[in-house]
Every structure is written in C-alpha cells, then in structure tokens.
mmCIF file of all heavy atoms, coordinates in Angstrom:
data_MODEL
# 
_entry.id   MODEL 
# 
loop_
_atom_site.group_PDB 
_atom_site.id 
_atom_site.type_symbol 
_atom_site.label_atom_id 
_atom_site.label_alt_id 
_atom_site.label_comp_id 
_atom_site.label_asym_id 
_atom_site.label_entity_id 
_atom_site.label_seq_id 
_atom_site.pdbx_PDB_ins_code 
_atom_site.Cartn_x 
_atom_site.Cartn_y 
_atom_site.Cartn_z 
_atom_site.occupancy 
_atom_site.B_iso_or_equiv 
_atom_site.pdbx_formal_charge 
_atom_site.auth_seq_id 
_atom_site.auth_comp_id 
_atom_site.auth_asym_id 
_atom_site.auth_atom_id 
_atom_site.pdbx_PDB_model_num 
ATOM 1   N N   . THR A 1 1  ? -46.145 -24.171 -62.062 1.00 0.00 ? 1  THR A N   1 
ATOM 2   C CA  . THR A 1 1  ? -46.242 -25.220 -61.012 1.00 0.00 ? 1  THR A CA  1 
ATOM 3   C C   . THR A 1 1  ? -47.249 -26.215 -61.572 1.00 0.00 ? 1  THR A C   1 
ATOM 4   O O   . THR A 1 1  ? -48.318 -25.825 -61.960 1.00 0.00 ? 1  THR A O   1 
ATOM 5   C CB  . THR A 1 1  ? -46.726 -24.654 -59.752 1.00 0.00 ? 1  THR A CB  1 
ATOM 6   O OG1 . THR A 1 1  ? -47.851 -23.834 -59.939 1.00 0.00 ? 1  THR A OG1 1 
ATOM 7   C CG2 . THR A 1 1  ? -45.682 -23.886 -59.004 1.00 0.00 ? 1  THR A CG2 1 
ATOM 8   N N   . THR A 1 2  ? -46.880 -27.454 -61.529 1.00 0.00 ? 2  THR A N   1 
ATOM 9   C CA  . THR A 1 2  ? -47.857 -28.524 -61.793 1.00 0.00 ? 2  THR A CA  1 
ATOM 10  C C   . THR A 1 2  ? -48.211 -29.023 -60.416 1.00 0.00 ? 2  THR A C   1 
ATOM 11  O O   . THR A 1 2  ? -47.700 -28.606 -59.410 1.00 0.00 ? 2  THR A O   1 
ATOM 12  C CB  . THR A 1 2  ? -47.359 -29.658 -62.718 1.00 0.00 ? 2  THR A CB  1 
ATOM 13  O OG1 . THR A 1 2  ? -46.135 -30.158 -62.114 1.00 0.00 ? 2  THR A OG1 1 
ATOM 14  C CG2 . THR A 1 2  ? -46.922 -29.110 -64.114 1.00 0.00 ? 2  THR A CG2 1 
ATOM 15  N N   . GLY A 1 3  ? -49.176 -29.997 -60.442 1.00 0.00 ? 3  GLY A N   1 
ATOM 16  C CA  . GLY A 1 3  ? -49.642 -30.425 -59.127 1.00 0.00 ? 3  GLY A CA  1 
ATOM 17  C C   . GLY A 1 3  ? -50.487 -29.350 -58.469 1.00 0.00 ? 3  GLY A C   1 
ATOM 18  O O   . GLY A 1 3  ? -51.252 -28.652 -59.203 1.00 0.00 ? 3  GLY A O   1 
ATOM 19  N N   . GLN A 1 4  ? -50.304 -29.105 -57.188 1.00 0.00 ? 4  GLN A N   1 
ATOM 20  C CA  . GLN A 1 4  ? -51.107 -28.124 -56.456 1.00 0.00 ? 4  GLN A CA  1 
ATOM 21  C C   . GLN A 1 4  ? -50.437 -26.688 -56.637 1.00 0.00 ? 4  GLN A C   1 
ATOM 22  O O   . GLN A 1 4  ? -49.385 -26.503 -56.297 1.00 0.00 ? 4  GLN A O   1 
ATOM 23  C CB  . GLN A 1 4  ? -51.101 -28.477 -55.000 1.00 0.00 ? 4  GLN A CB  1 
ATOM 24  C CG  . GLN A 1 4  ? -52.199 -27.849 -54.185 1.00 0.00 ? 4  GLN A CG  1 
ATOM 25  C CD  . GLN A 1 4  ? -53.599 -28.139 -54.697 1.00 0.00 ? 4  GLN A CD  1 
ATOM 26  O OE1 . GLN A 1 4  ? -53.767 -29.164 -55.352 1.00 0.00 ? 4  GLN A OE1 1 
ATOM 27  N NE2 . GLN A 1 4  ? -54.461 -27.273 -54.376 1.00 0.00 ? 4  GLN A NE2 1 
ATOM 28  N N   . PRO A 1 5  ? -51.264 -25.813 -57.366 1.00 0.00 ? 5  PRO A N   1 
ATOM 29  C CA  . PRO A 1 5  ? -50.590 -24.493 -57.639 1.00 0.00 ? 5  PRO A CA  1 
ATOM 30  C C   . PRO A 1 5  ? -50.658 -23.661 -56.396 1.00 0.00 ? 5  PRO A C   1 
ATOM 31  O O   . PRO A 1 5  ? -51.497 -23.892 -55.467 1.00 0.00 ? 5  PRO A O   1 
ATOM 32  C CB  . PRO A 1 5  ? -51.446 -23.917 -58.641 1.00 0.00 ? 5  PRO A CB  1 
ATOM 33  C CG  . PRO A 1 5  ? -52.828 -24.509 -58.512 1.00 0.00 ? 5  PRO A CG  1 
ATOM 34  C CD  . PRO A 1 5  ? -52.572 -25.944 -57.903 1.00 0.00 ? 5  PRO A CD  1 
ATOM 35  N N   . LYS A 1 6  ? -49.727 -22.675 -56.352 1.00 0.00 ? 6  LYS A N   1 
ATOM 36  C CA  . LYS A 1 6  ? -49.672 -21.709 -55.205 1.00 0.00 ? 6  LYS A CA  1 
ATOM 37  C C   . LYS A 1 6  ? -50.533 -20.548 -55.568 1.00 0.00 ? 6  LYS A C   1 
ATOM 38  O O   . LYS A 1 6  ? -50.123 -19.733 -56.481 1.00 0.00 ? 6  LYS A O   1 
ATOM 39  C CB  . LYS A 1 6  ? -48.228 -21.286 -54.989 1.00 0.00 ? 6  LYS A CB  1 
ATOM 40  C CG  . LYS A 1 6  ? -47.437 -21.994 -54.022 1.00 0.00 ? 6  LYS A CG  1 
ATOM 41  C CD  . LYS A 1 6  ? -46.140 -21.220 -53.789 1.00 0.00 ? 6  LYS A CD  1 
ATOM 42  C CE  . LYS A 1 6  ? -45.030 -22.124 -53.178 1.00 0.00 ? 6  LYS A CE  1 
ATOM 43  N NZ  . LYS A 1 6  ? -43.736 -21.448 -53.250 1.00 0.00 ? 6  LYS A NZ  1 
ATOM 44  N N   . GLY A 1 7  ? -51.640 -20.283 -54.856 1.00 0.00 ? 7  GLY A N   1 
ATOM 45  C CA  . GLY A 1 7  ? -52.482 -19.158 -55.117 1.00 0.00 ? 7  GLY A CA  1 
ATOM 46  C C   . GLY A 1 7  ? -52.137 -18.034 -54.233 1.00 0.00 ? 7  GLY A C   1 
ATOM 47  O O   . GLY A 1 7  ? -52.555 -17.912 -53.051 1.00 0.00 ? 7  GLY A O   1 
ATOM 48  N N   . VAL A 1 8  ? -51.406 -17.073 -54.750 1.00 0.00 ? 8  VAL A N   1 
ATOM 49  C CA  . VAL A 1 8  ? -51.023 -15.841 -53.996 1.00 0.00 ? 8  VAL A CA  1 
ATOM 50  C C   . VAL A 1 8  ? -52.284 -14.982 -53.868 1.00 0.00 ? 8  VAL A C   1 
ATOM 51  O O   . VAL A 1 8  ? -52.882 -14.684 -54.880 1.00 0.00 ? 8  VAL A O   1 
ATOM 52  C CB  . VAL A 1 8  ? -49.913 -15.121 -54.660 1.00 0.00 ? 8  VAL A CB  1 
ATOM 53  C CG1 . VAL A 1 8  ? -49.760 -13.685 -54.058 1.00 0.00 ? 8  VAL A CG1 1 
ATOM 54  C CG2 . VAL A 1 8  ? -48.605 -15.802 -54.614 1.00 0.00 ? 8  VAL A CG2 1 
ATOM 55  N N   . ILE A 1 9  ? -52.556 -14.548 -52.634 1.00 0.00 ? 9  ILE A N   1 
ATOM 56  C CA  . ILE A 1 9  ? -53.804 -13.649 -52.546 1.00 0.00 ? 9  ILE A CA  1 
ATOM 57  C C   . ILE A 1 9  ? -53.349 -12.285 -52.129 1.00 0.00 ? 9  ILE A C   1 
ATOM 58  O O   . ILE A 1 9  ? -52.246 -12.019 -51.602 1.00 0.00 ? 9  ILE A O   1 
ATOM 59  C CB  . ILE A 1 9  ? -54.893 -14.141 -51.570 1.00 0.00 ? 9  ILE A CB  1 
ATOM 60  C CG1 . ILE A 1 9  ? -54.377 -14.333 -50.131 1.00 0.00 ? 9  ILE A CG1 1 
ATOM 61  C CG2 . ILE A 1 9  ? -55.508 -15.434 -52.155 1.00 0.00 ? 9  ILE A CG2 1 
ATOM 62  C CD1 . ILE A 1 9  ? -55.539 -14.748 -49.211 1.00 0.00 ? 9  ILE A CD1 1 
ATOM 63  N N   . ARG A 1 10 ? -54.186 -11.333 -52.448 1.00 0.00 ? 10 ARG A N   1 
ATOM 64  C CA  . ARG A 1 10 ? -53.878 -9.888  -52.149 1.00 0.00 ? 10 ARG A CA  1 
ATOM 65  C C   . ARG A 1 10 ? -55.078 -9.332  -51.442 1.00 0.00 ? 10 ARG A C   1 
ATOM 66  O O   . ARG A 1 10 ? -56.175 -9.469  -51.873 1.00 0.00 ? 10 ARG A O   1 
ATOM 67  C CB  . ARG A 1 10 ? -53.716 -9.173  -53.541 1.00 0.00 ? 10 ARG A CB  1 
ATOM 68  C CG  . ARG A 1 10 ? -52.931 -7.911  -53.400 1.00 0.00 ? 10 ARG A CG  1 
ATOM 69  C CD  . ARG A 1 10 ? -51.470 -8.104  -53.352 1.00 0.00 ? 10 ARG A CD  1 
ATOM 70  N NE  . ARG A 1 10 ? -50.876 -8.634  -54.543 1.00 0.00 ? 10 ARG A NE  1 
ATOM 71  C CZ  . ARG A 1 10 ? -49.776 -9.433  -54.523 1.00 0.00 ? 10 ARG A CZ  1 
ATOM 72  N NH1 . ARG A 1 10 ? -49.222 -9.815  -53.425 1.00 0.00 ? 10 ARG A NH1 1 
ATOM 73  N NH2 . ARG A 1 10 ? -49.227 -9.929  -55.669 1.00 0.00 ? 10 ARG A NH2 1 
ATOM 74  N N   . HIS A 1 11 ? -54.877 -8.754  -50.264 1.00 0.00 ? 11 HIS A N   1 
ATOM 75  C CA  . HIS A 1 11 ? -55.984 -8.183  -49.490 1.00 0.00 ? 11 HIS A CA  1 
ATOM 76  C C   . HIS A 1 11 ? -56.306 -6.708  -50.124 1.00 0.00 ? 11 HIS A C   1 
ATOM 77  O O   . HIS A 1 11 ? -55.409 -6.038  -50.531 1.00 0.00 ? 11 HIS A O   1 
ATOM 78  C CB  . HIS A 1 11 ? -55.621 -8.082  -48.064 1.00 0.00 ? 11 HIS A CB  1 
ATOM 79  C CG  . HIS A 1 11 ? -55.921 -9.393  -47.312 1.00 0.00 ? 11 HIS A CG  1 
ATOM 80  N ND1 . HIS A 1 11 ? -55.475 -9.547  -45.992 1.00 0.00 ? 11 HIS A ND1 1 
ATOM 81  C CD2 . HIS A 1 11 ? -56.405 -10.570 -47.726 1.00 0.00 ? 11 HIS A CD2 1 
ATOM 82  C CE1 . HIS A 1 11 ? -55.833 -10.790 -45.651 1.00 0.00 ? 11 HIS A CE1 1 
ATOM 83  N NE2 . HIS A 1 11 ? -56.402 -11.373 -46.659 1.00 0.00 ? 11 HIS A NE2 1 
ATOM 84  N N   . THR A 1 12 ? -57.561 -6.405  -50.091 1.00 0.00 ? 12 THR A N   1 
ATOM 85  C CA  . THR A 1 12 ? -58.057 -5.200  -50.787 1.00 0.00 ? 12 THR A CA  1 
ATOM 86  C C   . THR A 1 12 ? -57.396 -3.882  -50.281 1.00 0.00 ? 12 THR A C   1 
ATOM 87  O O   . THR A 1 12 ? -56.841 -3.116  -51.091 1.00 0.00 ? 12 THR A O   1 
ATOM 88  C CB  . THR A 1 12 ? -59.586 -5.141  -50.644 1.00 0.00 ? 12 THR A CB  1 
ATOM 89  O OG1 . THR A 1 12 ? -60.143 -6.319  -51.215 1.00 0.00 ? 12 THR A OG1 1 
ATOM 90  C CG2 . THR A 1 12 ? -60.104 -3.891  -51.341 1.00 0.00 ? 12 THR A CG2 1 
ATOM 91  N N   . ALA A 1 13 ? -57.444 -3.599  -49.003 1.00 0.00 ? 13 ALA A N   1 
ATOM 92  C CA  . ALA A 1 13 ? -57.029 -2.341  -48.507 1.00 0.00 ? 13 ALA A CA  1 
ATOM 93  C C   . ALA A 1 13 ? -55.514 -2.094  -48.578 1.00 0.00 ? 13 ALA A C   1 
ATOM 94  O O   . ALA A 1 13 ? -55.003 -1.008  -49.055 1.00 0.00 ? 13 ALA A O   1 
ATOM 95  C CB  . ALA A 1 13 ? -57.463 -2.110  -47.089 1.00 0.00 ? 13 ALA A CB  1 
ATOM 96  N N   . GLY A 1 14 ? -54.799 -3.162  -48.275 1.00 0.00 ? 14 GLY A N   1 
ATOM 97  C CA  . GLY A 1 14 ? -53.320 -3.062  -48.381 1.00 0.00 ? 14 GLY A CA  1 
ATOM 98  C C   . GLY A 1 14 ? -52.827 -2.795  -49.764 1.00 0.00 ? 14 GLY A C   1 
ATOM 99  O O   . GLY A 1 14 ? -51.951 -1.961  -50.081 1.00 0.00 ? 14 GLY A O   1 
ATOM 100 N N   . GLN A 1 15 ? -53.466 -3.463  -50.722 1.00 0.00 ? 15 GLN A N   1 
ATOM 101 C CA  . GLN A 1 15 ? -53.167 -3.298  -52.139 1.00 0.00 ? 15 GLN A CA  1 
ATOM 102 C C   . GLN A 1 15 ? -53.444 -1.811  -52.583 1.00 0.00 ? 15 GLN A C   1 
ATOM 103 O O   . GLN A 1 15 ? -52.587 -1.199  -53.246 1.00 0.00 ? 15 GLN A O   1 
ATOM 104 C CB  . GLN A 1 15 ? -53.985 -4.257  -52.990 1.00 0.00 ? 15 GLN A CB  1 
ATOM 105 C CG  . GLN A 1 15 ? -53.892 -3.893  -54.508 1.00 0.00 ? 15 GLN A CG  1 
ATOM 106 C CD  . GLN A 1 15 ? -54.595 -4.838  -55.441 1.00 0.00 ? 15 GLN A CD  1 
ATOM 107 O OE1 . GLN A 1 15 ? -53.938 -5.694  -55.959 1.00 0.00 ? 15 GLN A OE1 1 
ATOM 108 N NE2 . GLN A 1 15 ? -55.906 -4.713  -55.565 1.00 0.00 ? 15 GLN A NE2 1 
ATOM 109 N N   . LEU A 1 16 ? -54.534 -1.296  -52.212 1.00 0.00 ? 16 LEU A N   1 
ATOM 110 C CA  . LEU A 1 16 ? -54.918 0.067   -52.580 1.00 0.00 ? 16 LEU A CA  1 
ATOM 111 C C   . LEU A 1 16 ? -53.899 1.070   -52.063 1.00 0.00 ? 16 LEU A C   1 
ATOM 112 O O   . LEU A 1 16 ? -53.393 1.920   -52.749 1.00 0.00 ? 16 LEU A O   1 
ATOM 113 C CB  . LEU A 1 16 ? -56.249 0.426   -52.046 1.00 0.00 ? 16 LEU A CB  1 
ATOM 114 C CG  . LEU A 1 16 ? -57.555 -0.098  -52.775 1.00 0.00 ? 16 LEU A CG  1 
ATOM 115 C CD1 . LEU A 1 16 ? -58.723 -0.049  -51.894 1.00 0.00 ? 16 LEU A CD1 1 
ATOM 116 C CD2 . LEU A 1 16 ? -57.726 0.639   -54.044 1.00 0.00 ? 16 LEU A CD2 1 
ATOM 117 N N   . VAL A 1 17 ? -53.574 0.975   -50.759 1.00 0.00 ? 17 VAL A N   1 
ATOM 118 C CA  . VAL A 1 17 ? -52.652 1.905   -50.131 1.00 0.00 ? 17 VAL A CA  1 
ATOM 119 C C   . VAL A 1 17 ? -51.208 1.811   -50.738 1.00 0.00 ? 17 VAL A C   1 
ATOM 120 O O   . VAL A 1 17 ? -50.589 2.798   -51.126 1.00 0.00 ? 17 VAL A O   1 
ATOM 121 C CB  . VAL A 1 17 ? -52.580 1.691   -48.585 1.00 0.00 ? 17 VAL A CB  1 
ATOM 122 C CG1 . VAL A 1 17 ? -51.509 2.598   -47.972 1.00 0.00 ? 17 VAL A CG1 1 
ATOM 123 C CG2 . VAL A 1 17 ? -53.919 2.020   -47.956 1.00 0.00 ? 17 VAL A CG2 1 
ATOM 124 N N   . ALA A 1 18 ? -50.725 0.554   -50.864 1.00 0.00 ? 18 ALA A N   1 
ATOM 125 C CA  . ALA A 1 18 ? -49.373 0.379   -51.413 1.00 0.00 ? 18 ALA A CA  1 
ATOM 126 C C   . ALA A 1 18 ? -49.188 0.835   -52.832 1.00 0.00 ? 18 ALA A C   1 
ATOM 127 O O   . ALA A 1 18 ? -48.238 1.495   -53.185 1.00 0.00 ? 18 ALA A O   1 
ATOM 128 C CB  . ALA A 1 18 ? -48.967 -1.121  -51.195 1.00 0.00 ? 18 ALA A CB  1 
ATOM 129 N N   . LEU A 1 19 ? -50.083 0.352   -53.678 1.00 0.00 ? 19 LEU A N   1 
ATOM 130 C CA  . LEU A 1 19 ? -50.003 0.656   -55.136 1.00 0.00 ? 19 LEU A CA  1 
ATOM 131 C C   . LEU A 1 19 ? -50.060 2.195   -55.325 1.00 0.00 ? 19 LEU A C   1 
ATOM 132 O O   . LEU A 1 19 ? -49.292 2.758   -56.082 1.00 0.00 ? 19 LEU A O   1 
ATOM 133 C CB  . LEU A 1 19 ? -50.940 -0.092  -55.910 1.00 0.00 ? 19 LEU A CB  1 
ATOM 134 C CG  . LEU A 1 19 ? -50.784 -1.604  -55.993 1.00 0.00 ? 19 LEU A CG  1 
ATOM 135 C CD1 . LEU A 1 19 ? -51.771 -2.225  -56.924 1.00 0.00 ? 19 LEU A CD1 1 
ATOM 136 C CD2 . LEU A 1 19 ? -49.455 -1.974  -56.468 1.00 0.00 ? 19 LEU A CD2 1 
ATOM 137 N N   . ASN A 1 20 ? -51.071 2.797   -54.627 1.00 0.00 ? 20 ASN A N   1 
ATOM 138 C CA  . ASN A 1 20 ? -51.134 4.287   -54.794 1.00 0.00 ? 20 ASN A CA  1 
ATOM 139 C C   . ASN A 1 20 ? -49.866 4.930   -54.305 1.00 0.00 ? 20 ASN A C   1 
ATOM 140 O O   . ASN A 1 20 ? -49.413 5.896   -55.074 1.00 0.00 ? 20 ASN A O   1 
ATOM 141 C CB  . ASN A 1 20 ? -52.335 4.753   -53.955 1.00 0.00 ? 20 ASN A CB  1 
ATOM 142 C CG  . ASN A 1 20 ? -52.685 6.229   -54.159 1.00 0.00 ? 20 ASN A CG  1 
ATOM 143 O OD1 . ASN A 1 20 ? -52.958 6.553   -55.269 1.00 0.00 ? 20 ASN A OD1 1 
ATOM 144 N ND2 . ASN A 1 20 ? -52.561 7.016   -53.093 1.00 0.00 ? 20 ASN A ND2 1 
ATOM 145 N N   . TRP A 1 21 ? -49.288 4.478   -53.301 1.00 0.00 ? 21 TRP A N   1 
ATOM 146 C CA  . TRP A 1 21 ? -48.014 5.138   -52.793 1.00 0.00 ? 21 TRP A CA  1 
ATOM 147 C C   . TRP A 1 21 ? -46.883 4.918   -53.798 1.00 0.00 ? 21 TRP A C   1 
ATOM 148 O O   . TRP A 1 21 ? -46.110 5.923   -54.034 1.00 0.00 ? 21 TRP A O   1 
ATOM 149 C CB  . TRP A 1 21 ? -47.587 4.475   -51.471 1.00 0.00 ? 21 TRP A CB  1 
ATOM 150 C CG  . TRP A 1 21 ? -46.373 5.101   -50.828 1.00 0.00 ? 21 TRP A CG  1 
ATOM 151 C CD1 . TRP A 1 21 ? -46.382 6.178   -49.956 1.00 0.00 ? 21 TRP A CD1 1 
ATOM 152 C CD2 . TRP A 1 21 ? -44.969 4.723   -50.989 1.00 0.00 ? 21 TRP A CD2 1 
ATOM 153 N NE1 . TRP A 1 21 ? -45.081 6.498   -49.679 1.00 0.00 ? 21 TRP A NE1 1 
ATOM 154 C CE2 . TRP A 1 21 ? -44.239 5.625   -50.259 1.00 0.00 ? 21 TRP A CE2 1 
ATOM 155 C CE3 . TRP A 1 21 ? -44.409 3.722   -51.764 1.00 0.00 ? 21 TRP A CE3 1 
ATOM 156 C CZ2 . TRP A 1 21 ? -42.823 5.576   -50.275 1.00 0.00 ? 21 TRP A CZ2 1 
ATOM 157 C CZ3 . TRP A 1 21 ? -42.929 3.669   -51.754 1.00 0.00 ? 21 TRP A CZ3 1 
ATOM 158 C CH2 . TRP A 1 21 ? -42.252 4.543   -51.011 1.00 0.00 ? 21 TRP A CH2 1 
ATOM 159 N N   . THR A 1 22 ? -46.809 3.808   -54.509 1.00 0.00 ? 22 THR A N   1 
ATOM 160 C CA  . THR A 1 22 ? -45.731 3.517   -55.406 1.00 0.00 ? 22 THR A CA  1 
ATOM 161 C C   . THR A 1 22 ? -45.798 4.399   -56.655 1.00 0.00 ? 22 THR A C   1 
ATOM 162 O O   . THR A 1 22 ? -44.763 4.735   -57.181 1.00 0.00 ? 22 THR A O   1 
ATOM 163 C CB  . THR A 1 22 ? -45.645 2.065   -55.844 1.00 0.00 ? 22 THR A CB  1 
ATOM 164 O OG1 . THR A 1 22 ? -46.828 1.801   -56.595 1.00 0.00 ? 22 THR A OG1 1 
ATOM 165 C CG2 . THR A 1 22 ? -45.507 1.089   -54.675 1.00 0.00 ? 22 THR A CG2 1 
ATOM 166 N N   . MET A 1 23 ? -46.967 4.782   -57.101 1.00 0.00 ? 23 MET A N   1 
ATOM 167 C CA  . MET A 1 23 ? -47.074 5.424   -58.423 1.00 0.00 ? 23 MET A CA  1 
ATOM 168 C C   . MET A 1 23 ? -46.273 6.759   -58.437 1.00 0.00 ? 23 MET A C   1 
ATOM 169 O O   . MET A 1 23 ? -45.626 7.004   -59.392 1.00 0.00 ? 23 MET A O   1 
ATOM 170 C CB  . MET A 1 23 ? -48.529 5.679   -58.788 1.00 0.00 ? 23 MET A CB  1 
ATOM 171 C CG  . MET A 1 23 ? -49.334 4.451   -59.131 1.00 0.00 ? 23 MET A CG  1 
ATOM 172 S SD  . MET A 1 23 ? -48.602 3.251   -60.300 1.00 0.00 ? 23 MET A SD  1 
ATOM 173 C CE  . MET A 1 23 ? -48.583 4.298   -61.807 1.00 0.00 ? 23 MET A CE  1 
ATOM 174 N N   . LYS A 1 24 ? -46.354 7.556   -57.362 1.00 0.00 ? 24 LYS A N   1 
ATOM 175 C CA  . LYS A 1 24 ? -45.524 8.764   -57.286 1.00 0.00 ? 24 LYS A CA  1 
ATOM 176 C C   . LYS A 1 24 ? -44.175 8.516   -56.771 1.00 0.00 ? 24 LYS A C   1 
ATOM 177 O O   . LYS A 1 24 ? -43.188 8.962   -57.383 1.00 0.00 ? 24 LYS A O   1 
ATOM 178 C CB  . LYS A 1 24 ? -46.282 9.802   -56.354 1.00 0.00 ? 24 LYS A CB  1 
ATOM 179 C CG  . LYS A 1 24 ? -45.513 11.097  -56.221 1.00 0.00 ? 24 LYS A CG  1 
ATOM 180 C CD  . LYS A 1 24 ? -45.281 11.763  -57.514 1.00 0.00 ? 24 LYS A CD  1 
ATOM 181 C CE  . LYS A 1 24 ? -44.321 13.000  -57.420 1.00 0.00 ? 24 LYS A CE  1 
ATOM 182 N NZ  . LYS A 1 24 ? -43.885 13.383  -58.704 1.00 0.00 ? 24 LYS A NZ  1 
# 
C-alpha cells in the first residue's frame, strides 16, 4: 500500500491463546 498504510494490530492475550491452540 502506498499513501496511508493499514497497520494491522494484534492483541497480546488473544494471540497467545489462538496460536498455542493451532500448533497442536
């Protein structure tokens, strides 16, 4: 993206729970 970029953010707790669940 040129111009104003889209900054996707990730919240800490949700990321921890979801990623840990996906690994197995």
